[in-house]
Amino acid sequence: VEYWAAGRLQLAADDPYDAQRLLPLQHAAGWTDLKVAVMMWNPPWVFPLVMPLGALPVPLAQMLWFILHLGLILLSADCLFRLK
């Protein structure tokens, strides 16, 4: 949700590093037990990766993020297997 919220703020031409703007988005996404926003501390050049997530609903964005990482893990395992 931290990537989704930061991507959503970036799409709105807002500051994705502003905790006061991130917290309401993270609460709206279902993380209601947070007292402090979970920050995305990546450098600005990472935003082209996460901005598309901010354009999607939270469940779909989470599923796509999971599928992307699963695919990368499987690709890495295949590459390591081929190294022998």
N, C-alpha and C. Protein backbone atom coordinates (compact mmCIF):
# COMPACT_ATOMS: atom_id res chain seq x y z
N VAL A 1 0.83 -1.19 0.00
CA VAL A 1 0.00 0.00 0.00
C VAL A 1 0.88 1.26 0.00
N GLU A 2 2.09 1.15 0.55
CA GLU A 2 2.95 2.34 0.55
C GLU A 2 3.32 2.75 -0.87
N TYR A 3 3.55 1.78 -1.76
CA TYR A 3 3.87 2.09 -3.15
C TYR A 3 2.64 2.63 -3.87
N TRP A 4 1.49 2.03 -3.59
CA TRP A 4 0.25 2.48 -4.22
C TRP A 4 -0.05 3.93 -3.83
N ALA A 5 0.06 4.23 -2.53
CA ALA A 5 -0.24 5.58 -2.05
C ALA A 5 0.75 6.60 -2.63
N ALA A 6 2.02 6.24 -2.67
CA ALA A 6 3.03 7.15 -3.23
C ALA A 6 2.79 7.35 -4.72
N GLY A 7 2.44 6.29 -5.42
CA GLY A 7 2.14 6.41 -6.85
C GLY A 7 0.92 7.27 -7.10
N ARG A 8 -0.08 7.13 -6.24
CA ARG A 8 -1.30 7.94 -6.38
C ARG A 8 -1.00 9.43 -6.16
N LEU A 9 -0.18 9.73 -5.17
CA LEU A 9 0.19 11.12 -4.94
C LEU A 9 1.02 11.67 -6.09
N GLN A 10 1.93 10.87 -6.60
CA GLN A 10 2.76 11.31 -7.73
C GLN A 10 1.89 11.58 -8.96
N LEU A 11 0.90 10.73 -9.21
CA LEU A 11 -0.01 10.95 -10.34
C LEU A 11 -0.81 12.25 -10.18
N ALA A 12 -1.08 12.62 -8.94
CA ALA A 12 -1.83 13.85 -8.68
C ALA A 12 -0.90 15.07 -8.60
N ALA A 13 0.35 14.90 -8.99
CA ALA A 13 1.37 15.97 -8.95
C ALA A 13 1.54 16.50 -7.53
N ASP A 14 1.49 15.58 -6.57
CA ASP A 14 1.65 15.93 -5.17
C ASP A 14 2.95 15.31 -4.66
N ASP A 15 3.33 15.62 -3.43
CA ASP A 15 4.58 15.13 -2.85
C ASP A 15 4.40 13.72 -2.31
N PRO A 16 5.02 12.71 -2.95
CA PRO A 16 4.86 11.33 -2.49
C PRO A 16 5.66 11.02 -1.23
N TYR A 17 6.46 11.95 -0.75
CA TYR A 17 7.23 11.76 0.47
C TYR A 17 6.59 12.47 1.67
N ASP A 18 5.39 13.01 1.51
CA ASP A 18 4.69 13.74 2.58
C ASP A 18 3.84 12.76 3.39
N ALA A 19 4.27 12.51 4.62
CA ALA A 19 3.58 11.53 5.47
C ALA A 19 2.14 11.95 5.78
N GLN A 20 1.89 13.26 5.91
CA GLN A 20 0.54 13.73 6.22
C GLN A 20 -0.42 13.50 5.05
N ARG A 21 0.08 13.41 3.84
CA ARG A 21 -0.77 13.13 2.69
C ARG A 21 -0.88 11.63 2.44
N LEU A 22 0.15 10.87 2.84
CA LEU A 22 0.13 9.42 2.64
C LEU A 22 -0.82 8.71 3.61
N LEU A 23 -0.85 9.17 4.85
CA LEU A 23 -1.63 8.48 5.88
C LEU A 23 -3.12 8.36 5.54
N PRO A 24 -3.81 9.41 5.09
CA PRO A 24 -5.23 9.22 4.74
C PRO A 24 -5.43 8.24 3.59
N LEU A 25 -4.51 8.23 2.62
CA LEU A 25 -4.63 7.27 1.53
C LEU A 25 -4.45 5.84 2.03
N GLN A 26 -3.49 5.65 2.93
CA GLN A 26 -3.26 4.31 3.47
C GLN A 26 -4.41 3.86 4.36
N HIS A 27 -5.02 4.79 5.07
CA HIS A 27 -6.23 4.45 5.85
C HIS A 27 -7.38 4.07 4.92
N ALA A 28 -7.53 4.82 3.83
CA ALA A 28 -8.61 4.52 2.88
C ALA A 28 -8.40 3.17 2.20
N ALA A 29 -7.15 2.74 2.11
CA ALA A 29 -6.85 1.45 1.48
C ALA A 29 -7.05 0.29 2.44
N GLY A 30 -7.35 0.57 3.71
CA GLY A 30 -7.63 -0.50 4.64
C GLY A 30 -6.61 -0.65 5.75
N TRP A 31 -5.56 0.12 5.73
CA TRP A 31 -4.56 0.05 6.79
C TRP A 31 -4.95 1.03 7.89
N THR A 32 -6.04 0.75 8.58
CA THR A 32 -6.61 1.69 9.54
C THR A 32 -5.89 1.69 10.88
N ASP A 33 -5.07 0.70 11.16
CA ASP A 33 -4.39 0.65 12.46
C ASP A 33 -3.09 1.45 12.48
N LEU A 34 -2.74 2.10 11.38
CA LEU A 34 -1.52 2.89 11.32
C LEU A 34 -1.68 4.21 12.08
N LYS A 35 -0.68 4.54 12.86
CA LYS A 35 -0.64 5.84 13.52
C LYS A 35 0.25 6.80 12.72
N VAL A 36 1.25 6.23 12.04
CA VAL A 36 2.20 6.99 11.23
C VAL A 36 2.22 6.34 9.85
N ALA A 37 2.31 7.14 8.82
CA ALA A 37 2.31 6.62 7.45
C ALA A 37 3.55 5.76 7.19
N VAL A 38 3.37 4.70 6.42
CA VAL A 38 4.49 3.90 5.96
C VAL A 38 5.05 4.60 4.73
N MET A 39 6.30 5.02 4.84
CA MET A 39 6.91 5.83 3.79
C MET A 39 7.60 4.95 2.75
N MET A 40 7.61 5.44 1.54
CA MET A 40 8.39 4.84 0.47
C MET A 40 9.68 5.66 0.37
N TRP A 41 10.78 5.10 0.80
CA TRP A 41 12.04 5.83 0.87
C TRP A 41 12.92 5.60 -0.35
N ASN A 42 12.33 5.18 -1.44
CA ASN A 42 13.09 4.97 -2.66
C ASN A 42 13.40 6.31 -3.33
N PRO A 43 14.44 6.35 -4.16
CA PRO A 43 14.75 7.59 -4.87
C PRO A 43 13.70 7.90 -5.94
N PRO A 44 13.68 9.15 -6.40
CA PRO A 44 12.64 9.57 -7.35
C PRO A 44 12.61 8.78 -8.66
N TRP A 45 13.72 8.21 -9.10
CA TRP A 45 13.71 7.49 -10.36
C TRP A 45 12.94 6.18 -10.28
N VAL A 46 12.48 5.77 -9.10
CA VAL A 46 11.68 4.55 -8.95
C VAL A 46 10.21 4.81 -9.28
N PHE A 47 9.80 6.06 -9.27
CA PHE A 47 8.38 6.37 -9.45
C PHE A 47 7.78 5.92 -10.78
N PRO A 48 8.52 5.88 -11.87
CA PRO A 48 7.89 5.31 -13.07
C PRO A 48 7.43 3.85 -12.90
N LEU A 49 8.01 3.14 -11.95
CA LEU A 49 7.58 1.77 -11.67
C LEU A 49 6.30 1.72 -10.84
N VAL A 50 6.16 2.64 -9.90
CA VAL A 50 5.02 2.57 -8.98
C VAL A 50 3.86 3.46 -9.37
N MET A 51 4.08 4.42 -10.25
CA MET A 51 2.97 5.30 -10.64
C MET A 51 1.81 4.54 -11.28
N PRO A 52 2.05 3.53 -12.13
CA PRO A 52 0.89 2.79 -12.66
C PRO A 52 0.07 2.11 -11.57
N LEU A 53 0.70 1.72 -10.47
CA LEU A 53 -0.06 1.12 -9.37
C LEU A 53 -1.03 2.12 -8.76
N GLY A 54 -0.63 3.37 -8.69
CA GLY A 54 -1.49 4.40 -8.12
C GLY A 54 -2.72 4.69 -8.95
N ALA A 55 -2.70 4.30 -10.22
CA ALA A 55 -3.86 4.53 -11.08
C ALA A 55 -4.90 3.42 -10.96
N LEU A 56 -4.56 2.35 -10.25
CA LEU A 56 -5.45 1.19 -10.13
C LEU A 56 -6.08 1.14 -8.74
N PRO A 57 -7.17 0.41 -8.60
CA PRO A 57 -7.71 0.16 -7.26
C PRO A 57 -6.72 -0.68 -6.44
N VAL A 58 -6.75 -0.54 -5.14
CA VAL A 58 -5.77 -1.20 -4.27
C VAL A 58 -5.71 -2.72 -4.47
N PRO A 59 -6.82 -3.46 -4.47
CA PRO A 59 -6.70 -4.92 -4.62
C PRO A 59 -6.04 -5.33 -5.94
N LEU A 60 -6.39 -4.65 -7.01
CA LEU A 60 -5.79 -4.98 -8.31
C LEU A 60 -4.30 -4.62 -8.32
N ALA A 61 -3.95 -3.49 -7.75
CA ALA A 61 -2.55 -3.08 -7.69
C ALA A 61 -1.73 -4.07 -6.87
N GLN A 62 -2.28 -4.53 -5.74
CA GLN A 62 -1.57 -5.51 -4.92
C GLN A 62 -1.38 -6.82 -5.67
N MET A 63 -2.39 -7.25 -6.39
CA MET A 63 -2.29 -8.50 -7.13
C MET A 63 -1.25 -8.39 -8.24
N LEU A 64 -1.25 -7.29 -8.97
CA LEU A 64 -0.26 -7.11 -10.03
C LEU A 64 1.16 -7.04 -9.47
N TRP A 65 1.32 -6.36 -8.33
CA TRP A 65 2.64 -6.26 -7.68
C TRP A 65 3.11 -7.66 -7.26
N PHE A 66 2.20 -8.47 -6.72
CA PHE A 66 2.53 -9.84 -6.33
C PHE A 66 2.92 -10.68 -7.54
N ILE A 67 2.14 -10.59 -8.61
CA ILE A 67 2.42 -11.37 -9.82
C ILE A 67 3.76 -10.96 -10.43
N LEU A 68 4.05 -9.67 -10.43
CA LEU A 68 5.33 -9.19 -10.94
C LEU A 68 6.49 -9.79 -10.15
N HIS A 69 6.40 -9.76 -8.83
CA HIS A 69 7.47 -10.31 -8.01
C HIS A 69 7.57 -11.81 -8.13
N LEU A 70 6.46 -12.49 -8.21
CA LEU A 70 6.49 -13.94 -8.39
C LEU A 70 7.16 -14.29 -9.72
N GLY A 71 6.83 -13.56 -10.77
CA GLY A 71 7.46 -13.79 -12.06
C GLY A 71 8.96 -13.54 -12.02
N LEU A 72 9.38 -12.50 -11.32
CA LEU A 72 10.81 -12.22 -11.21
C LEU A 72 11.54 -13.31 -10.42
N ILE A 73 10.91 -13.82 -9.38
CA ILE A 73 11.51 -14.91 -8.61
C ILE A 73 11.65 -16.16 -9.47
N LEU A 74 10.59 -16.48 -10.21
CA LEU A 74 10.65 -17.66 -11.08
C LEU A 74 11.70 -17.49 -12.18
N LEU A 75 11.79 -16.32 -12.76
CA LEU A 75 12.80 -16.05 -13.77
C LEU A 75 14.21 -16.17 -13.19
N SER A 76 14.41 -15.65 -11.99
CA SER A 76 15.71 -15.74 -11.32
C SER A 76 16.06 -17.20 -11.02
N ALA A 77 15.09 -17.96 -10.54
CA ALA A 77 15.34 -19.37 -10.25
C ALA A 77 15.70 -20.13 -11.53
N ASP A 78 15.02 -19.83 -12.62
CA ASP A 78 15.32 -20.47 -13.90
C ASP A 78 16.74 -20.12 -14.37
N CYS A 79 17.11 -18.85 -14.25
CA CYS A 79 18.46 -18.43 -14.64
C CYS A 79 19.50 -19.11 -13.78
N LEU A 80 19.27 -19.23 -12.49
CA LEU A 80 20.22 -19.89 -11.61
C LEU A 80 20.31 -21.38 -11.92
N PHE A 81 19.20 -21.99 -12.26
CA PHE A 81 19.18 -23.42 -12.60
C PHE A 81 20.00 -23.67 -13.87
N ARG A 82 19.90 -22.76 -14.82
CA ARG A 82 20.63 -22.91 -16.08
C ARG A 82 22.14 -22.70 -15.93
N LEU A 83 22.58 -22.03 -14.88
CA LEU A 83 24.00 -21.79 -14.67
C LEU A 83 24.76 -23.08 -14.35
N LYS A 84 24.13 -23.99 -13.68
CA LYS A 84 24.71 -25.26 -13.23
C LYS A 84 26.07 -25.03 -12.65
